[in-house]
Amino acid sequence: MAGAIKRLAGPLALTTTYTTNLYVPASALIYSVIRHIHIANKTAAAAKFRVYLGATGANAAGTELWFDYSIPAYSDFDRWLAMKVTSTDFLVGGSDTTTALTITISGEEYVV
């Protein structure tokens, strides 16, 4: 159903590769509105993450949404937003600690 809130990506364990695709557009015929990003730290130590909005499998200066944002031990990060993404927009990123953080992205999809 168009406009229904759904999980767009994840849960996905973040790795130390900062060019990992976190959100991949469904189709050129659909755009999404990302409404919520949840990242959980399941470890006993703080961990940092980076998220970029840009090309698939790439990151570039000026495309950072969050850069080295630290999540305390056994805590989480929740961000509510209204970000429209099209078929050429990818969320990419990673963490400074392999598999310490898990990301889940929720939102809506609409037919172009």
Protein backbone atom coordinates (compact mmCIF):
# COMPACT_ATOMS: atom_id res chain seq x y z
CA MET A 1 0.00 0.00 0.00
CA ALA A 2 1.41 3.38 -0.99
CA GLY A 3 2.34 5.59 1.93
CA ALA A 4 2.20 2.84 4.55
CA ILE A 5 5.02 2.85 7.10
CA LYS A 6 7.30 -0.13 6.54
CA ARG A 7 10.81 -1.29 7.23
CA LEU A 8 12.92 -0.12 4.30
CA ALA A 9 16.22 -1.71 5.41
CA GLY A 10 17.72 -3.77 8.18
CA PRO A 11 18.32 -4.85 10.78
CA LEU A 12 21.86 -4.79 9.44
CA ALA A 13 25.08 -5.05 11.47
CA LEU A 14 27.41 -2.20 10.56
CA THR A 15 30.99 -3.06 9.64
CA THR A 16 34.15 -0.98 9.42
CA THR A 17 33.59 -0.50 5.68
CA TYR A 18 32.20 3.04 5.43
CA THR A 19 30.96 2.47 1.86
CA THR A 20 28.48 -0.30 2.72
CA ASN A 21 25.02 0.22 1.22
CA LEU A 22 22.61 0.66 4.15
CA TYR A 23 19.55 1.62 2.10
CA VAL A 24 19.08 0.71 -1.57
CA PRO A 25 16.16 2.26 -3.50
CA ALA A 26 13.43 -0.20 -4.46
CA SER A 27 13.03 0.94 -8.06
CA ALA A 28 13.26 3.91 -10.41
CA LEU A 29 9.44 3.89 -10.34
CA ILE A 30 9.27 4.36 -6.55
CA TYR A 31 10.53 7.06 -4.23
CA SER A 32 10.78 6.67 -0.48
CA VAL A 33 10.41 8.95 2.49
CA ILE A 34 12.70 7.85 5.30
CA ARG A 35 10.90 8.53 8.57
CA HIS A 36 12.99 6.78 11.19
CA ILE A 37 16.56 5.56 11.63
CA HIS A 38 17.31 3.37 14.63
CA ILE A 39 20.84 2.24 15.52
CA ALA A 40 21.44 -0.02 18.52
CA ASN A 41 24.76 -0.56 20.28
CA LYS A 42 24.78 -4.07 21.70
CA THR A 43 28.26 -3.90 23.23
CA ALA A 44 29.85 -2.81 26.51
CA ALA A 45 31.82 -0.02 24.80
CA ALA A 46 30.88 3.13 22.92
CA ALA A 47 30.90 2.85 19.11
CA LYS A 48 30.84 5.50 16.38
CA PHE A 49 29.02 5.45 13.05
CA ARG A 50 28.93 7.38 9.80
CA VAL A 51 26.01 7.69 7.38
CA TYR A 52 26.22 9.37 3.97
CA LEU A 53 23.55 10.18 1.38
CA GLY A 54 24.89 9.69 -2.12
CA ALA A 55 25.94 7.15 -4.72
CA THR A 56 25.88 3.40 -4.25
CA GLY A 57 28.93 2.01 -2.48
CA ALA A 58 30.59 5.42 -2.16
CA ASN A 59 30.91 8.35 0.18
CA ALA A 60 32.19 11.84 -0.44
CA ALA A 61 32.90 14.99 1.53
CA GLY A 62 29.77 17.06 1.85
CA THR A 63 27.37 14.10 1.78
CA GLU A 64 27.61 13.22 5.49
CA LEU A 65 24.39 12.94 7.48
CA TRP A 66 26.23 11.78 10.62
CA PHE A 67 30.01 11.59 10.96
CA ASP A 68 31.67 9.72 13.82
CA TYR A 69 28.52 10.00 15.92
CA SER A 70 29.12 8.09 19.15
CA ILE A 71 26.55 5.79 20.75
CA PRO A 72 27.29 4.85 24.39
CA ALA A 73 27.47 1.21 25.51
CA TYR A 74 24.15 -0.63 25.49
CA SER A 75 22.35 2.43 24.13
CA ASP A 76 20.64 3.42 20.93
CA PHE A 77 20.24 6.28 18.50
CA ASP A 78 16.81 7.23 17.15
CA ARG A 79 16.26 9.95 14.59
CA TRP A 80 12.83 10.85 13.27
CA LEU A 81 12.89 12.72 9.97
CA ALA A 82 11.16 13.27 6.65
CA MET A 83 13.82 12.68 3.99
CA LYS A 84 12.68 12.00 0.42
CA VAL A 85 15.02 9.68 -1.45
CA THR A 86 14.79 8.76 -5.11
CA SER A 87 16.21 5.92 -7.19
CA THR A 88 19.64 7.60 -7.32
CA ASP A 89 19.90 8.18 -3.55
CA PHE A 90 21.61 5.58 -1.39
CA LEU A 91 22.41 5.63 2.31
CA VAL A 92 25.91 4.26 2.85
CA GLY A 93 28.05 4.02 5.93
CA GLY A 94 29.59 1.95 8.66
CA SER A 95 31.00 1.87 12.16
CA ASP A 96 34.40 2.10 13.81
CA THR A 97 33.70 -1.27 15.47
CA THR A 98 32.65 -4.30 13.43
CA THR A 99 29.13 -5.55 14.27
CA ALA A 100 28.77 -3.47 17.46
CA LEU A 101 25.98 -1.41 15.89
CA THR A 102 22.81 -2.55 14.14
CA ILE A 103 20.79 -0.20 11.92
CA THR A 104 17.11 -0.35 10.96
CA ILE A 105 15.49 2.16 8.58
CA SER A 106 11.72 2.73 8.34
CA GLY A 107 9.62 4.87 6.06
CA GLU A 108 7.08 5.04 3.27
CA GLU A 109 7.18 4.23 -0.44
CA TYR A 110 5.28 6.02 -3.21
CA VAL A 111 4.88 5.39 -6.92
CA VAL A 112 6.49 8.14 -9.02
